[in-house]
Amino acid sequence: MKNNNALHRIQIFMYKGQWVFDDESKGINKEPFVFGIPAIINAKAMKILGTVPKRMSVTFASTLLPIVNVELERTVREHGGAWYIEKSLGYEGWLCPALLKYFKKPPKHIYIYLDEV
């Protein structure tokens, strides 16, 4: 079941050398980030926090947040998910169909506030 919240928050963490997240309310357990997204996470963490911690908080929405330190722009919808570019880095990554547990369709933009837990 999708909720209509405009603002979402998850904690991402390293598990067996891979960025993953849990969201019990969505039935998600250790969902991995793949295909370019880990590189975006690592690069932005270094730029924002000066380190890559083992756990981070990710607050995200398809509408502009008061504080944003990561902005993803959709380039292509593919395989139930979508490819996004982080323009300040020039990195692109794919967000899998788990994205649809938070949005009705892959949004054009995802605004993110990434922070250390």
N, C-alpha and C. Protein backbone atom coordinates (compact mmCIF):
# COMPACT_ATOMS: atom_id res chain seq x y z
N MET A 1 0.83 -1.17 0.00
CA MET A 1 0.00 0.00 0.00
C MET A 1 0.89 1.25 0.00
N LYS A 2 0.58 2.18 -0.90
CA LYS A 2 1.32 3.43 -0.96
C LYS A 2 0.70 4.42 0.02
N ASN A 3 1.53 5.26 0.61
CA ASN A 3 0.96 6.33 1.41
C ASN A 3 1.07 7.62 0.61
N ASN A 4 0.39 8.63 1.04
CA ASN A 4 0.39 9.89 0.30
C ASN A 4 1.33 10.92 0.90
N ASN A 5 2.23 10.50 1.76
CA ASN A 5 3.18 11.44 2.36
C ASN A 5 4.04 12.06 1.27
N ALA A 6 4.28 13.35 1.39
CA ALA A 6 5.15 14.03 0.44
C ALA A 6 6.61 13.86 0.84
N LEU A 7 6.85 13.64 2.11
CA LEU A 7 8.20 13.56 2.67
C LEU A 7 8.43 12.15 3.19
N HIS A 8 9.58 11.59 2.85
CA HIS A 8 9.92 10.23 3.27
C HIS A 8 11.29 10.25 3.93
N ARG A 9 11.50 9.30 4.83
CA ARG A 9 12.79 9.21 5.51
C ARG A 9 13.14 7.75 5.72
N ILE A 10 14.37 7.42 5.32
CA ILE A 10 14.89 6.08 5.53
C ILE A 10 16.30 6.21 6.10
N GLN A 11 16.78 5.14 6.68
CA GLN A 11 18.18 5.07 7.08
C GLN A 11 18.85 4.06 6.16
N ILE A 12 19.95 4.47 5.56
CA ILE A 12 20.71 3.56 4.73
C ILE A 12 21.93 3.11 5.53
N PHE A 13 22.36 1.89 5.25
CA PHE A 13 23.49 1.37 6.01
C PHE A 13 24.25 0.35 5.18
N MET A 14 25.49 0.14 5.58
CA MET A 14 26.33 -0.84 4.90
C MET A 14 26.01 -2.23 5.43
N TYR A 15 25.78 -3.16 4.52
CA TYR A 15 25.52 -4.55 4.87
C TYR A 15 26.26 -5.41 3.85
N LYS A 16 27.24 -6.15 4.34
CA LYS A 16 28.07 -7.00 3.48
C LYS A 16 28.67 -6.20 2.31
N GLY A 17 29.14 -4.99 2.65
CA GLY A 17 29.83 -4.15 1.68
C GLY A 17 28.92 -3.45 0.67
N GLN A 18 27.62 -3.41 0.97
CA GLN A 18 26.67 -2.81 0.02
C GLN A 18 25.72 -1.88 0.76
N TRP A 19 25.39 -0.73 0.14
CA TRP A 19 24.40 0.16 0.71
C TRP A 19 23.02 -0.46 0.57
N VAL A 20 22.28 -0.54 1.69
CA VAL A 20 20.93 -1.09 1.71
C VAL A 20 20.06 -0.24 2.63
N PHE A 21 18.75 -0.53 2.61
CA PHE A 21 17.85 0.09 3.57
C PHE A 21 16.70 -0.85 3.89
N ASP A 22 16.13 -0.64 5.06
CA ASP A 22 14.94 -1.35 5.52
C ASP A 22 13.82 -0.33 5.65
N ASP A 23 12.61 -0.78 5.39
CA ASP A 23 11.43 0.03 5.69
C ASP A 23 10.30 -0.95 5.97
N GLU A 24 10.16 -1.28 7.25
CA GLU A 24 9.17 -2.27 7.68
C GLU A 24 7.77 -1.89 7.21
N SER A 25 7.45 -0.61 7.21
CA SER A 25 6.10 -0.17 6.81
C SER A 25 5.80 -0.46 5.34
N LYS A 26 6.85 -0.65 4.55
CA LYS A 26 6.69 -0.94 3.12
C LYS A 26 7.02 -2.39 2.79
N GLY A 27 7.37 -3.18 3.80
CA GLY A 27 7.75 -4.57 3.56
C GLY A 27 9.11 -4.71 2.91
N ILE A 28 10.00 -3.74 3.16
CA ILE A 28 11.33 -3.73 2.55
C ILE A 28 12.37 -4.14 3.59
N ASN A 29 13.20 -5.11 3.21
CA ASN A 29 14.26 -5.60 4.10
C ASN A 29 15.57 -5.70 3.31
N LYS A 30 16.54 -4.92 3.72
CA LYS A 30 17.87 -4.90 3.11
C LYS A 30 17.82 -4.76 1.58
N GLU A 31 17.03 -3.79 1.14
CA GLU A 31 16.93 -3.48 -0.29
C GLU A 31 18.24 -2.81 -0.72
N PRO A 32 18.95 -3.38 -1.68
CA PRO A 32 20.25 -2.81 -2.07
C PRO A 32 20.11 -1.65 -3.05
N PHE A 33 21.06 -0.74 -2.97
CA PHE A 33 21.24 0.29 -3.99
C PHE A 33 22.26 -0.26 -4.98
N VAL A 34 21.97 -0.14 -6.26
CA VAL A 34 22.81 -0.75 -7.29
C VAL A 34 23.01 0.21 -8.47
N PHE A 35 23.82 -0.21 -9.42
CA PHE A 35 23.99 0.45 -10.72
C PHE A 35 24.21 1.96 -10.62
N GLY A 36 25.27 2.37 -9.97
CA GLY A 36 25.66 3.77 -9.93
C GLY A 36 25.22 4.53 -8.70
N ILE A 37 24.16 4.09 -8.05
CA ILE A 37 23.67 4.80 -6.85
C ILE A 37 24.69 4.74 -5.71
N PRO A 38 25.38 3.60 -5.47
CA PRO A 38 26.40 3.60 -4.41
C PRO A 38 27.50 4.63 -4.65
N ALA A 39 27.89 4.84 -5.89
CA ALA A 39 28.92 5.85 -6.18
C ALA A 39 28.42 7.25 -5.85
N ILE A 40 27.15 7.52 -6.14
CA ILE A 40 26.56 8.82 -5.80
C ILE A 40 26.52 8.98 -4.28
N ILE A 41 26.08 7.96 -3.58
CA ILE A 41 26.02 8.02 -2.11
C ILE A 41 27.40 8.30 -1.52
N ASN A 42 28.39 7.56 -1.95
CA ASN A 42 29.75 7.73 -1.41
C ASN A 42 30.32 9.11 -1.72
N ALA A 43 30.18 9.55 -2.95
CA ALA A 43 30.74 10.85 -3.34
C ALA A 43 30.05 12.00 -2.62
N LYS A 44 28.72 11.94 -2.53
CA LYS A 44 28.01 13.02 -1.85
C LYS A 44 28.29 13.01 -0.35
N ALA A 45 28.40 11.83 0.27
CA ALA A 45 28.74 11.76 1.69
C ALA A 45 30.10 12.40 1.95
N MET A 46 31.07 12.10 1.11
CA MET A 46 32.40 12.71 1.27
C MET A 46 32.33 14.23 1.14
N LYS A 47 31.57 14.70 0.16
CA LYS A 47 31.46 16.13 -0.08
C LYS A 47 30.71 16.84 1.06
N ILE A 48 29.63 16.22 1.54
CA ILE A 48 28.77 16.85 2.55
C ILE A 48 29.30 16.65 3.96
N LEU A 49 29.70 15.42 4.27
CA LEU A 49 30.07 15.06 5.64
C LEU A 49 31.58 14.97 5.86
N GLY A 50 32.34 14.90 4.78
CA GLY A 50 33.79 14.77 4.90
C GLY A 50 34.24 13.35 5.19
N THR A 51 33.28 12.42 5.20
CA THR A 51 33.55 11.02 5.46
C THR A 51 32.39 10.20 4.89
N VAL A 52 32.56 8.90 4.83
CA VAL A 52 31.47 8.01 4.43
C VAL A 52 31.14 7.13 5.64
N PRO A 53 30.16 7.56 6.45
CA PRO A 53 29.80 6.77 7.62
C PRO A 53 29.14 5.45 7.21
N LYS A 54 29.01 4.54 8.14
CA LYS A 54 28.39 3.23 7.86
C LYS A 54 26.87 3.31 7.85
N ARG A 55 26.32 4.42 8.34
CA ARG A 55 24.85 4.58 8.40
C ARG A 55 24.54 6.06 8.18
N MET A 56 23.52 6.33 7.37
CA MET A 56 23.10 7.70 7.11
C MET A 56 21.59 7.80 7.06
N SER A 57 21.10 8.98 7.33
CA SER A 57 19.68 9.29 7.23
C SER A 57 19.44 9.95 5.87
N VAL A 58 18.38 9.51 5.20
CA VAL A 58 18.03 10.07 3.89
C VAL A 58 16.58 10.54 3.96
N THR A 59 16.39 11.85 3.90
CA THR A 59 15.06 12.45 3.83
C THR A 59 14.86 12.87 2.39
N PHE A 60 13.74 12.45 1.78
CA PHE A 60 13.58 12.72 0.35
C PHE A 60 12.13 13.00 -0.02
N ALA A 61 11.97 13.73 -1.12
CA ALA A 61 10.66 14.12 -1.63
C ALA A 61 10.78 14.45 -3.12
N SER A 62 9.63 14.50 -3.78
CA SER A 62 9.62 14.89 -5.18
C SER A 62 9.39 16.39 -5.32
N THR A 63 9.20 17.07 -4.19
CA THR A 63 9.08 18.52 -4.17
C THR A 63 10.26 19.08 -3.38
N LEU A 64 10.61 20.29 -3.68
CA LEU A 64 11.78 20.91 -3.07
C LEU A 64 11.64 20.97 -1.55
N LEU A 65 12.69 20.55 -0.85
CA LEU A 65 12.75 20.59 0.61
C LEU A 65 13.42 21.90 1.04
N PRO A 66 13.22 22.32 2.31
CA PRO A 66 13.88 23.53 2.79
C PRO A 66 15.41 23.42 2.75
N ILE A 67 15.93 22.21 2.98
CA ILE A 67 17.37 21.98 2.92
C ILE A 67 17.59 20.78 2.01
N VAL A 68 18.38 20.96 0.96
CA VAL A 68 18.68 19.90 0.00
C VAL A 68 20.18 19.86 -0.21
N ASN A 69 20.77 18.66 -0.14
CA ASN A 69 22.19 18.56 -0.46
C ASN A 69 22.46 17.51 -1.54
N VAL A 70 21.40 16.88 -2.05
CA VAL A 70 21.50 15.97 -3.19
C VAL A 70 20.25 16.18 -4.02
N GLU A 71 20.43 16.35 -5.33
CA GLU A 71 19.29 16.46 -6.23
C GLU A 71 19.47 15.49 -7.38
N LEU A 72 18.49 14.64 -7.56
CA LEU A 72 18.52 13.68 -8.65
C LEU A 72 17.49 14.09 -9.70
N GLU A 73 17.86 14.00 -10.96
CA GLU A 73 16.95 14.30 -12.06
C GLU A 73 16.79 13.06 -12.92
N ARG A 74 15.54 12.67 -13.14
CA ARG A 74 15.26 11.47 -13.93
C ARG A 74 15.67 11.68 -15.38
N THR A 75 16.32 10.67 -15.94
CA THR A 75 16.70 10.72 -17.34
C THR A 75 15.88 9.72 -18.16
N VAL A 76 15.74 8.49 -17.68
CA VAL A 76 15.05 7.43 -18.43
C VAL A 76 14.32 6.51 -17.46
N ARG A 77 13.10 6.15 -17.80
CA ARG A 77 12.40 5.09 -17.05
C ARG A 77 12.78 3.77 -17.69
N GLU A 78 13.11 2.79 -16.84
CA GLU A 78 13.55 1.52 -17.38
C GLU A 78 13.36 0.40 -16.36
N HIS A 79 12.84 -0.72 -16.81
CA HIS A 79 12.70 -1.93 -16.00
C HIS A 79 11.96 -1.69 -14.68
N GLY A 80 10.90 -0.89 -14.73
CA GLY A 80 10.08 -0.63 -13.55
C GLY A 80 10.64 0.42 -12.62
N GLY A 81 11.86 0.85 -12.85
CA GLY A 81 12.50 1.90 -12.06
C GLY A 81 12.85 3.06 -12.96
N ALA A 82 13.90 3.77 -12.63
CA ALA A 82 14.32 4.91 -13.45
C ALA A 82 15.79 5.23 -13.21
N TRP A 83 16.41 5.77 -14.25
CA TRP A 83 17.77 6.28 -14.16
C TRP A 83 17.70 7.74 -13.77
N TYR A 84 18.61 8.13 -12.87
CA TYR A 84 18.69 9.50 -12.39
C TYR A 84 20.13 9.99 -12.48
N ILE A 85 20.28 11.28 -12.76
CA ILE A 85 21.61 11.90 -12.77
C ILE A 85 21.71 12.86 -11.59
N GLU A 86 22.88 12.86 -10.97
CA GLU A 86 23.21 13.85 -9.94
C GLU A 86 24.16 14.81 -10.64
N LYS A 87 23.62 15.94 -11.09
CA LYS A 87 24.35 16.83 -12.00
C LYS A 87 25.62 17.42 -11.42
N SER A 88 25.64 17.71 -10.11
CA SER A 88 26.85 18.32 -9.55
C SER A 88 28.04 17.38 -9.64
N LEU A 89 27.77 16.07 -9.67
CA LEU A 89 28.83 15.06 -9.80
C LEU A 89 28.97 14.57 -11.23
N GLY A 90 27.87 14.63 -11.99
CA GLY A 90 27.86 14.04 -13.32
C GLY A 90 27.71 12.53 -13.28
N TYR A 91 27.25 12.01 -12.13
CA TYR A 91 27.06 10.56 -11.96
C TYR A 91 25.61 10.21 -12.23
N GLU A 92 25.42 9.02 -12.80
CA GLU A 92 24.08 8.52 -13.05
C GLU A 92 23.89 7.18 -12.37
N GLY A 93 22.69 6.92 -11.89
CA GLY A 93 22.40 5.66 -11.23
C GLY A 93 20.94 5.28 -11.40
N TRP A 94 20.66 4.00 -11.21
CA TRP A 94 19.31 3.47 -11.39
C TRP A 94 18.66 3.20 -10.04
N LEU A 95 17.43 3.69 -9.88
CA LEU A 95 16.62 3.37 -8.70
C LEU A 95 15.59 2.35 -9.12
N CYS A 96 15.57 1.24 -8.40
CA CYS A 96 14.76 0.07 -8.75
C CYS A 96 13.27 0.30 -8.49
N PRO A 97 12.41 -0.66 -8.84
CA PRO A 97 10.97 -0.51 -8.63
C PRO A 97 10.54 -0.28 -7.18
N ALA A 98 11.41 -0.49 -6.20
CA ALA A 98 11.06 -0.14 -4.81
C ALA A 98 10.71 1.35 -4.71
N LEU A 99 11.19 2.14 -5.65
CA LEU A 99 10.87 3.56 -5.72
C LEU A 99 9.35 3.78 -5.73
N LEU A 100 8.63 2.84 -6.35
CA LEU A 100 7.17 2.96 -6.48
C LEU A 100 6.43 2.68 -5.18
N LYS A 101 7.15 2.28 -4.15
CA LYS A 101 6.55 2.16 -2.83
C LYS A 101 6.42 3.55 -2.18
N TYR A 102 7.14 4.52 -2.74
CA TYR A 102 7.14 5.89 -2.20
C TYR A 102 6.46 6.90 -3.12
N PHE A 103 6.46 6.61 -4.42
CA PHE A 103 5.88 7.51 -5.41
C PHE A 103 5.00 6.72 -6.37
N LYS A 104 3.93 7.33 -6.87
CA LYS A 104 3.04 6.65 -7.81
C LYS A 104 3.75 6.30 -9.12
N LYS A 105 4.66 7.16 -9.52
CA LYS A 105 5.51 6.93 -10.69
C LYS A 105 6.86 7.57 -10.41
N PRO A 106 7.91 7.16 -11.10
CA PRO A 106 9.21 7.77 -10.84
C PRO A 106 9.16 9.29 -11.07
N PRO A 107 9.42 10.07 -10.03
CA PRO A 107 9.33 11.52 -10.19
C PRO A 107 10.45 12.08 -11.06
N LYS A 108 10.17 13.24 -11.66
CA LYS A 108 11.17 13.91 -12.50
C LYS A 108 12.38 14.31 -11.66
N HIS A 109 12.15 14.76 -10.44
CA HIS A 109 13.22 15.15 -9.53
C HIS A 109 13.01 14.47 -8.18
N ILE A 110 14.12 14.13 -7.54
CA ILE A 110 14.08 13.67 -6.15
C ILE A 110 15.05 14.56 -5.39
N TYR A 111 14.50 15.27 -4.42
CA TYR A 111 15.28 16.17 -3.58
C TYR A 111 15.60 15.46 -2.28
N ILE A 112 16.86 15.51 -1.88
CA ILE A 112 17.34 14.69 -0.76
C ILE A 112 18.12 15.53 0.23
N TYR A 113 17.90 15.24 1.50
CA TYR A 113 18.77 15.74 2.55
C TYR A 113 19.46 14.53 3.17
N LEU A 114 20.73 14.42 2.94
CA LEU A 114 21.55 13.32 3.43
C LEU A 114 22.29 13.78 4.68
N ASP A 115 22.22 12.98 5.72
CA ASP A 115 22.84 13.37 6.98
C ASP A 115 23.33 12.13 7.72
N GLU A 116 24.32 12.32 8.55
CA GLU A 116 24.84 11.24 9.38
C GLU A 116 23.85 10.95 10.50
N VAL A 117 23.69 9.68 10.83
CA VAL A 117 22.78 9.29 11.91
C VAL A 117 23.48 9.49 13.24
